[in-house]
Structure formats: C-alpha cells, structure tokens
N, C-alpha and C. Protein backbone atom coordinates (compact mmCIF):
# COMPACT_ATOMS: atom_id res chain seq x y z
N MET A 1 37.94 -104.03 192.50
CA MET A 1 38.08 -104.43 193.86
C MET A 1 39.72 -104.30 194.01
N ASN A 2 39.99 -103.58 195.19
CA ASN A 2 41.40 -103.51 195.64
C ASN A 2 42.01 -104.61 196.21
N SER A 3 43.35 -104.66 196.43
CA SER A 3 44.07 -105.73 196.84
C SER A 3 43.60 -106.11 198.27
N LYS A 4 43.42 -104.88 199.13
CA LYS A 4 43.26 -105.20 200.57
C LYS A 4 41.80 -105.89 200.75
N LYS A 5 40.74 -105.46 199.88
CA LYS A 5 39.50 -106.11 199.97
C LYS A 5 39.64 -107.70 199.40
N VAL A 6 40.27 -107.93 198.35
CA VAL A 6 40.54 -109.18 197.71
C VAL A 6 41.26 -110.12 198.85
N ALA A 7 42.23 -109.51 199.49
CA ALA A 7 43.03 -110.25 200.69
C ALA A 7 42.11 -110.65 201.75
N GLU A 8 41.01 -109.80 202.13
CA GLU A 8 40.04 -110.20 203.18
C GLU A 8 39.24 -111.16 202.84
N ILE A 9 38.63 -110.99 201.45
CA ILE A 9 37.61 -112.05 201.14
C ILE A 9 38.30 -113.42 200.97
N LEU A 10 39.52 -113.53 200.47
CA LEU A 10 39.94 -114.82 200.09
C LEU A 10 41.09 -115.26 201.18
N ASP A 11 41.04 -114.48 202.24
CA ASP A 11 41.94 -114.88 203.36
C ASP A 11 43.44 -115.14 202.77
N VAL A 12 44.00 -114.19 202.07
CA VAL A 12 45.35 -114.23 201.79
C VAL A 12 45.91 -113.02 202.07
N SER A 13 47.23 -112.88 202.27
CA SER A 13 47.98 -111.57 202.29
C SER A 13 48.08 -110.71 200.99
N VAL A 14 48.16 -109.50 201.15
CA VAL A 14 48.35 -108.60 199.80
C VAL A 14 49.63 -109.07 199.31
N ASP A 15 50.68 -109.33 200.16
CA ASP A 15 51.98 -109.85 199.60
C ASP A 15 51.87 -111.13 198.72
N THR A 16 50.99 -112.07 199.22
CA THR A 16 50.63 -113.22 198.32
C THR A 16 50.03 -113.01 197.09
N LEU A 17 49.10 -112.07 197.16
CA LEU A 17 48.39 -111.53 195.84
C LEU A 17 49.46 -111.07 195.01
N ARG A 18 50.30 -110.22 195.36
CA ARG A 18 51.45 -109.65 194.45
C ARG A 18 52.26 -110.70 194.07
N TYR A 19 52.76 -111.64 194.90
CA TYR A 19 53.63 -112.65 194.51
C TYR A 19 53.05 -113.52 193.50
N TYR A 20 51.82 -113.82 193.60
CA TYR A 20 51.18 -114.79 192.62
C TYR A 20 51.14 -114.12 191.31
N GLU A 21 50.93 -112.86 191.12
CA GLU A 21 50.78 -112.09 189.88
C GLU A 21 52.12 -112.06 189.34
N ARG A 22 53.35 -111.71 190.20
CA ARG A 22 54.76 -111.40 189.82
C ARG A 22 55.16 -112.60 189.10
N VAL A 23 55.05 -113.75 189.72
CA VAL A 23 55.50 -115.03 189.27
C VAL A 23 54.81 -115.79 188.27
N GLY A 24 53.57 -115.27 188.01
CA GLY A 24 52.79 -115.88 186.97
C GLY A 24 51.75 -117.01 187.30
N VAL A 25 51.57 -117.13 188.71
CA VAL A 25 50.71 -118.16 189.09
C VAL A 25 49.13 -117.75 188.81
N ILE A 26 49.01 -116.41 188.63
CA ILE A 26 47.63 -115.96 188.08
C ILE A 26 47.94 -114.88 187.00
N PRO A 27 47.05 -114.84 186.09
CA PRO A 27 47.37 -113.82 184.93
C PRO A 27 47.46 -112.44 185.49
N PRO A 28 47.96 -111.61 184.80
CA PRO A 28 48.10 -110.25 185.21
C PRO A 28 46.81 -109.57 185.36
N VAL A 29 46.78 -108.73 186.45
CA VAL A 29 45.38 -108.10 186.98
C VAL A 29 45.22 -106.78 186.30
N THR A 30 44.28 -106.43 185.92
CA THR A 30 44.05 -105.06 185.16
C THR A 30 44.34 -103.90 186.27
N ARG A 31 44.79 -102.82 185.71
CA ARG A 31 45.08 -101.71 186.60
C ARG A 31 44.16 -100.54 186.22
N ASP A 32 43.76 -99.71 187.28
CA ASP A 32 43.24 -98.53 186.85
C ASP A 32 44.02 -97.38 186.43
N LYS A 33 43.51 -96.32 186.04
CA LYS A 33 44.31 -95.27 185.42
C LYS A 33 45.49 -94.75 186.36
N ASN A 34 45.43 -95.00 187.47
CA ASN A 34 46.38 -94.56 188.52
C ASN A 34 47.39 -95.85 188.89
N GLY A 35 47.38 -96.89 188.14
CA GLY A 35 48.24 -98.01 188.19
C GLY A 35 47.90 -98.84 189.50
N TYR A 36 46.83 -98.72 190.10
CA TYR A 36 46.53 -99.63 191.17
C TYR A 36 45.73 -100.85 190.54
N ARG A 37 45.86 -102.04 191.18
CA ARG A 37 45.36 -103.23 190.58
C ARG A 37 43.78 -103.21 190.97
N ASN A 38 43.05 -103.51 189.96
CA ASN A 38 41.50 -103.43 189.99
C ASN A 38 40.97 -104.88 189.64
N TYR A 39 40.87 -105.67 190.86
CA TYR A 39 40.57 -107.17 190.60
C TYR A 39 39.09 -107.28 190.16
N GLN A 40 38.84 -108.20 189.19
CA GLN A 40 37.65 -108.51 188.71
C GLN A 40 37.15 -109.88 189.29
N ASN A 41 35.99 -110.32 188.89
CA ASN A 41 35.55 -111.83 189.51
C ASN A 41 36.50 -112.83 188.97
N ASN A 42 36.87 -112.75 187.79
CA ASN A 42 37.69 -113.75 187.17
C ASN A 42 39.18 -113.83 188.00
N ASP A 43 39.57 -112.60 188.30
CA ASP A 43 40.80 -112.50 188.97
C ASP A 43 40.66 -113.43 190.48
N LEU A 44 39.67 -113.22 191.01
CA LEU A 44 39.25 -113.74 192.40
C LEU A 44 39.14 -115.29 192.21
N ASN A 45 38.56 -115.69 191.01
CA ASN A 45 38.48 -117.22 190.86
C ASN A 45 39.91 -117.64 190.59
N TRP A 46 40.93 -117.02 189.86
CA TRP A 46 42.09 -117.50 189.79
C TRP A 46 42.85 -117.54 191.07
N ILE A 47 42.65 -116.55 191.93
CA ILE A 47 43.35 -116.56 193.17
C ILE A 47 42.79 -117.77 194.11
N PHE A 48 41.52 -117.75 194.09
CA PHE A 48 40.89 -118.96 194.79
C PHE A 48 41.47 -120.32 194.44
N LEU A 49 41.46 -120.43 193.10
CA LEU A 49 41.94 -121.69 192.53
C LEU A 49 43.51 -122.09 192.84
N ALA A 50 44.25 -121.00 192.78
CA ALA A 50 45.64 -121.00 193.14
C ALA A 50 45.83 -121.25 194.61
N LYS A 51 45.01 -120.71 195.49
CA LYS A 51 45.16 -120.93 196.79
C LYS A 51 44.69 -122.36 197.24
N SER A 52 43.71 -122.75 196.56
CA SER A 52 43.31 -124.30 196.82
C SER A 52 44.40 -125.15 196.43
N LEU A 53 44.82 -124.97 194.98
CA LEU A 53 45.82 -125.88 194.64
C LEU A 53 47.08 -125.99 195.42
N ARG A 54 47.54 -124.81 195.87
CA ARG A 54 48.65 -124.66 196.73
C ARG A 54 48.48 -125.47 198.06
N ASN A 55 47.36 -125.16 198.73
CA ASN A 55 47.07 -125.93 199.80
C ASN A 55 47.02 -127.41 199.72
N ALA A 56 46.67 -127.69 198.53
CA ALA A 56 46.65 -129.24 198.28
C ALA A 56 47.96 -129.83 197.98
N GLY A 57 48.94 -128.95 197.83
CA GLY A 57 50.32 -129.21 197.47
C GLY A 57 50.82 -129.10 196.20
N MET A 58 50.17 -128.55 195.31
CA MET A 58 50.64 -128.42 193.97
C MET A 58 51.84 -127.35 193.95
N SER A 59 52.83 -127.87 193.23
CA SER A 59 54.03 -126.95 193.27
C SER A 59 53.75 -125.56 192.52
N VAL A 60 54.36 -124.53 192.82
CA VAL A 60 54.25 -123.18 192.24
C VAL A 60 54.60 -123.34 190.85
N GLU A 61 55.48 -124.09 190.49
CA GLU A 61 55.91 -124.35 189.03
C GLU A 61 54.61 -124.71 188.13
N SER A 62 54.04 -125.88 188.73
CA SER A 62 52.82 -126.43 187.97
C SER A 62 51.70 -125.41 187.87
N MET A 63 51.61 -124.48 189.00
CA MET A 63 50.64 -123.62 189.09
C MET A 63 51.02 -122.56 187.85
N ILE A 64 52.24 -122.20 187.76
CA ILE A 64 52.69 -121.22 186.79
C ILE A 64 52.38 -121.83 185.35
N GLU A 65 52.70 -123.00 185.28
CA GLU A 65 52.47 -123.82 183.96
C GLU A 65 51.00 -123.53 183.48
N PHE A 66 50.14 -123.88 184.55
CA PHE A 66 48.68 -123.87 184.22
C PHE A 66 48.28 -122.45 183.74
N ALA A 67 48.68 -121.56 184.56
CA ALA A 67 48.26 -120.11 184.39
C ALA A 67 48.85 -119.63 182.88
N THR A 68 50.11 -120.00 182.55
CA THR A 68 50.66 -119.62 181.22
C THR A 68 49.97 -120.35 180.20
N LEU A 69 49.44 -121.63 180.34
CA LEU A 69 48.72 -122.29 179.34
C LEU A 69 47.37 -121.55 179.13
N ALA A 70 46.85 -121.00 180.14
CA ALA A 70 45.48 -120.30 180.05
C ALA A 70 45.67 -118.92 179.16
N GLN A 71 46.91 -118.44 179.12
CA GLN A 71 47.24 -117.25 178.44
C GLN A 71 47.66 -117.42 177.16
N SER A 72 47.77 -118.64 176.70
CA SER A 72 48.49 -118.93 175.59
C SER A 72 47.21 -118.83 174.40
N SER A 73 47.67 -118.67 173.13
CA SER A 73 46.70 -118.76 171.91
C SER A 73 46.73 -120.14 171.65
N GLY A 74 45.59 -120.49 170.94
CA GLY A 74 45.48 -121.90 170.56
C GLY A 74 44.80 -122.76 171.54
N ASP A 75 44.45 -124.07 171.10
CA ASP A 75 43.80 -124.86 172.01
C ASP A 75 44.77 -125.55 173.00
N VAL A 76 44.66 -125.14 174.29
CA VAL A 76 45.53 -125.67 175.25
C VAL A 76 44.79 -126.35 176.36
N SER A 77 43.40 -126.58 176.14
CA SER A 77 42.57 -127.21 177.06
C SER A 77 43.15 -128.57 177.56
N ALA A 78 43.73 -129.43 176.64
CA ALA A 78 44.18 -130.65 176.83
C ALA A 78 45.25 -130.60 177.84
N ALA A 79 46.17 -129.63 177.40
CA ALA A 79 47.46 -129.44 178.29
C ALA A 79 47.02 -128.92 179.68
N GLN A 80 46.07 -128.21 179.86
CA GLN A 80 45.55 -127.75 181.16
C GLN A 80 44.85 -128.81 181.91
N LYS A 81 44.13 -129.72 181.35
CA LYS A 81 43.53 -130.74 181.94
C LYS A 81 44.53 -131.72 182.43
N GLU A 82 45.62 -131.91 181.65
CA GLU A 82 46.59 -132.91 181.98
C GLU A 82 47.31 -132.42 183.32
N VAL A 83 47.50 -131.08 183.33
CA VAL A 83 48.09 -130.53 184.63
C VAL A 83 47.26 -130.73 185.84
N LEU A 84 45.89 -130.53 185.55
CA LEU A 84 45.11 -130.90 186.74
C LEU A 84 44.82 -132.36 186.99
N HIS A 85 44.86 -133.19 186.07
CA HIS A 85 44.91 -134.68 186.18
C HIS A 85 46.09 -135.15 187.12
N GLU A 86 47.32 -134.60 186.69
CA GLU A 86 48.45 -134.91 187.59
C GLU A 86 48.25 -134.57 188.96
N GLN A 87 47.67 -133.32 189.19
CA GLN A 87 47.56 -132.91 190.55
C GLN A 87 46.57 -133.82 191.33
N LEU A 88 45.45 -134.21 190.63
CA LEU A 88 44.46 -135.08 191.27
C LEU A 88 45.12 -136.52 191.49
N ALA A 89 45.91 -136.97 190.58
CA ALA A 89 46.62 -138.27 190.75
C ALA A 89 47.62 -138.08 192.06
N GLN A 90 48.28 -137.00 192.31
CA GLN A 90 49.06 -136.82 193.53
C GLN A 90 48.05 -136.76 194.75
N LEU A 91 47.11 -136.16 194.61
CA LEU A 91 46.12 -135.92 195.76
C LEU A 91 45.74 -137.41 196.22
N ASP A 92 45.22 -138.16 195.25
CA ASP A 92 44.89 -139.48 195.61
C ASP A 92 45.79 -140.29 196.12
N GLN A 93 47.16 -140.14 195.85
CA GLN A 93 48.08 -140.83 196.54
C GLN A 93 48.47 -140.38 197.87
N LYS A 94 48.25 -139.07 198.14
CA LYS A 94 48.28 -138.62 199.49
C LYS A 94 47.31 -139.02 200.21
N PHE A 95 46.11 -139.01 199.79
CA PHE A 95 44.81 -139.40 200.55
C PHE A 95 45.11 -141.00 201.03
N ALA A 96 45.69 -141.71 200.09
CA ALA A 96 45.73 -143.18 200.41
C ALA A 96 46.88 -143.25 201.58
N GLU A 97 48.00 -142.48 201.41
CA GLU A 97 49.04 -142.44 202.40
C GLU A 97 48.40 -142.00 203.80
N LEU A 98 47.76 -140.83 203.72
CA LEU A 98 47.07 -140.35 204.92
C LEU A 98 46.08 -141.42 205.66
N GLU A 99 45.37 -142.11 204.75
CA GLU A 99 44.45 -143.18 205.27
C GLU A 99 45.11 -144.22 205.96
N LYS A 100 46.27 -144.64 205.36
CA LYS A 100 47.09 -145.66 206.23
C LYS A 100 47.62 -145.22 207.46
N THR A 101 48.07 -144.03 207.56
CA THR A 101 48.54 -143.34 208.77
C THR A 101 47.37 -143.18 209.82
N ARG A 102 46.16 -142.86 209.31
CA ARG A 102 45.07 -142.70 210.22
C ARG A 102 44.77 -144.18 210.82
N ASN A 103 44.64 -145.15 209.91
CA ASN A 103 44.53 -146.39 210.50
C ASN A 103 45.49 -146.74 211.52
N LEU A 104 46.80 -146.39 211.35
CA LEU A 104 47.71 -146.91 212.25
C LEU A 104 47.58 -146.09 213.60
N LEU A 105 47.15 -144.73 213.59
CA LEU A 105 46.97 -144.00 214.70
C LEU A 105 45.73 -144.54 215.38
N GLU A 106 44.70 -144.87 214.70
CA GLU A 106 43.52 -145.66 215.12
C GLU A 106 43.86 -146.76 215.99
N TYR A 107 44.56 -147.48 215.36
CA TYR A 107 45.11 -148.82 216.03
C TYR A 107 45.92 -148.59 217.22
N LYS A 108 46.84 -147.76 217.27
CA LYS A 108 47.75 -147.39 218.43
C LYS A 108 46.82 -146.79 219.61
N ILE A 109 45.79 -146.00 219.28
CA ILE A 109 44.81 -145.55 220.32
C ILE A 109 44.17 -146.65 220.84
N GLU A 110 43.61 -147.50 220.09
CA GLU A 110 42.61 -148.59 220.50
C GLU A 110 43.48 -149.52 221.50
N THR A 111 44.77 -149.84 221.00
CA THR A 111 45.60 -150.95 221.71
C THR A 111 46.42 -150.35 222.88
N TYR A 112 46.53 -149.04 223.02
CA TYR A 112 47.48 -148.42 223.79
C TYR A 112 47.52 -149.01 225.13
N ASP A 113 46.27 -148.81 225.88
CA ASP A 113 46.18 -149.38 227.16
C ASP A 113 46.66 -150.69 227.31
N ASP A 114 46.17 -151.64 226.41
CA ASP A 114 46.39 -153.04 226.35
C ASP A 114 47.97 -153.19 226.38
N HIS A 115 48.42 -152.60 225.33
CA HIS A 115 49.96 -152.71 225.22
C HIS A 115 50.80 -152.27 226.31
N LEU A 116 50.22 -151.24 226.88
CA LEU A 116 51.10 -150.77 228.03
C LEU A 116 50.98 -151.59 229.30
N ALA A 117 49.74 -152.18 229.45
CA ALA A 117 49.68 -153.15 230.52
C ALA A 117 50.50 -154.39 230.32
N LYS A 118 50.50 -154.90 229.06
CA LYS A 118 51.31 -156.00 228.76
C LYS A 118 52.88 -155.75 228.94
N PHE A 119 53.26 -154.51 228.58
CA PHE A 119 54.63 -154.15 228.74
C PHE A 119 54.95 -154.12 230.21
N LYS A 120 54.15 -153.58 231.04
CA LYS A 120 54.28 -153.56 232.59
C LYS A 120 54.33 -154.86 233.04
N ALA A 121 53.53 -155.68 232.66
CA ALA A 121 53.48 -156.97 233.14
C ALA A 121 54.54 -158.07 232.64
N GLY A 122 55.31 -157.69 231.77
CA GLY A 122 56.36 -158.49 231.10
C GLY A 122 55.85 -159.31 230.03
N GLU A 123 54.55 -159.30 229.67
CA GLU A 123 54.06 -160.13 228.68
C GLU A 123 54.55 -159.65 227.30
N MET A 124 54.88 -158.53 227.14
CA MET A 124 55.28 -157.91 225.91
C MET A 124 56.59 -157.24 226.00
N THR A 125 57.52 -157.50 225.15
CA THR A 125 58.64 -156.91 225.35
C THR A 125 59.30 -156.18 223.86
N ALA A 126 60.22 -155.66 223.93
CA ALA A 126 60.70 -154.98 222.58
C ALA A 126 60.89 -156.02 221.55
N ASP A 127 61.22 -157.26 221.94
CA ASP A 127 61.40 -158.31 220.88
C ASP A 127 60.18 -158.95 220.38
N ASN A 128 59.09 -158.82 221.19
CA ASN A 128 57.81 -159.56 220.84
C ASN A 128 56.76 -158.60 220.47
N ALA A 129 56.98 -157.26 220.42
CA ALA A 129 55.99 -156.23 220.24
C ALA A 129 55.50 -156.33 218.83
N ASP A 130 54.29 -155.89 218.53
CA ASP A 130 53.73 -156.05 217.22
C ASP A 130 54.60 -155.51 216.10
N LYS A 131 54.57 -156.07 215.01
CA LYS A 131 55.53 -155.64 213.87
C LYS A 131 54.66 -154.90 212.96
N LEU A 132 54.45 -153.71 213.20
CA LEU A 132 53.41 -152.85 212.50
C LEU A 132 53.71 -152.73 211.05
N TRP A 133 54.95 -152.81 210.66
CA TRP A 133 55.35 -152.84 209.04
C TRP A 133 54.84 -153.92 208.35
N GLN A 134 54.67 -155.12 209.14
CA GLN A 134 54.26 -156.33 208.53
C GLN A 134 52.75 -156.45 208.61
N MET A 135 51.96 -155.69 209.14
CA MET A 135 50.66 -155.88 209.22
C MET A 135 49.94 -155.34 208.03
N PRO A 136 49.08 -156.16 207.40
CA PRO A 136 48.48 -155.83 206.18
C PRO A 136 47.55 -154.61 206.11
N LYS A 137 46.93 -154.39 207.29
CA LYS A 137 46.09 -153.09 207.32
C LYS A 137 46.91 -151.80 207.20
N PHE A 138 48.17 -151.94 207.60
CA PHE A 138 49.08 -150.87 207.47
C PHE A 138 49.96 -150.84 206.36
N ASN A 139 50.27 -151.99 205.88
CA ASN A 139 51.25 -152.13 204.77
C ASN A 139 50.71 -153.33 203.89
N PRO A 140 49.82 -152.73 202.90
CA PRO A 140 49.14 -153.81 202.12
C PRO A 140 50.12 -154.81 201.14
N SER A 141 51.30 -154.51 201.10
CA SER A 141 52.25 -155.40 200.37
C SER A 141 52.87 -156.39 201.20
N ALA A 142 52.56 -156.43 202.46
CA ALA A 142 52.97 -157.19 203.60
C ALA A 142 52.32 -158.53 203.43
N LYS A 143 52.98 -159.48 203.69
CA LYS A 143 52.41 -160.93 203.61
C LYS A 143 52.28 -161.61 204.87
C-alpha cells in the first residue's frame, strides 16, 4: 500500500509518515523495486500505535525507544512493557488531573448564577469568595 493510501486510512499526513520512519518512531518500511514505500499491515499497526501514543502525550523519544527495542535482537519484551507501563502511569496521572479540573468546572457552572447574584447583592466579595484551592473536592490534600 502506498503512502497516500495509508495517510488516508490512518488520518495522518504523508509528511508525518515519512517523519515517523526517518526518526525511528516506526521501523523502516519495505520498499518496492522502484524505491517507493510499500506499507504492510504490520506497518499500519505501528503507525496506528504511534499516532495513538503521541495523541496520548507520549514523547517522541519514548516512542523511538520503544520502536528501537522492537528491532533489537534478544528478549526486549520486559523493556518494551516498561516503556508502555510508564506511559500508562503518566496517562493515569493526567486523567486524575483532568477529573479534578472537570469537577471544578462543573462546580463553577452549577454555582455561577448564585455566586453572581451574591456578588451583585454585596453578600459575597473578593475577600469572602470561595477558597477553591482549599476545597477537598478540588484539592484532596486540603484540610
């Protein structure tokens, strides 16, 4: 399969495909007798994985490390799994941070009209406004 078709299928640019191969994010793609890239299913799997990991925030360096390990001789499965475990831990941390931010936004939306009315009525001021950073639901370490 050629670069253009792969780019369409996986919704990436041809430049991205070439970049991923050039820097080692994916293993080298086989070429036909004329030197054109000839992508196989395994190549598409690598590109899909790379795109997914990149979208999840994995660094290009970690992606290169993972791909390089895959091309190494010997048993590198433990090292590859470690790279994936590290990424999963980072994602879990991001999810936790996003959940806290989501809770904060939900709270702000739910209380917006009430707080605005209290500010307009003078019942709430800049000095007696909610201390969001001290609320356990937004900051579990707050007491």
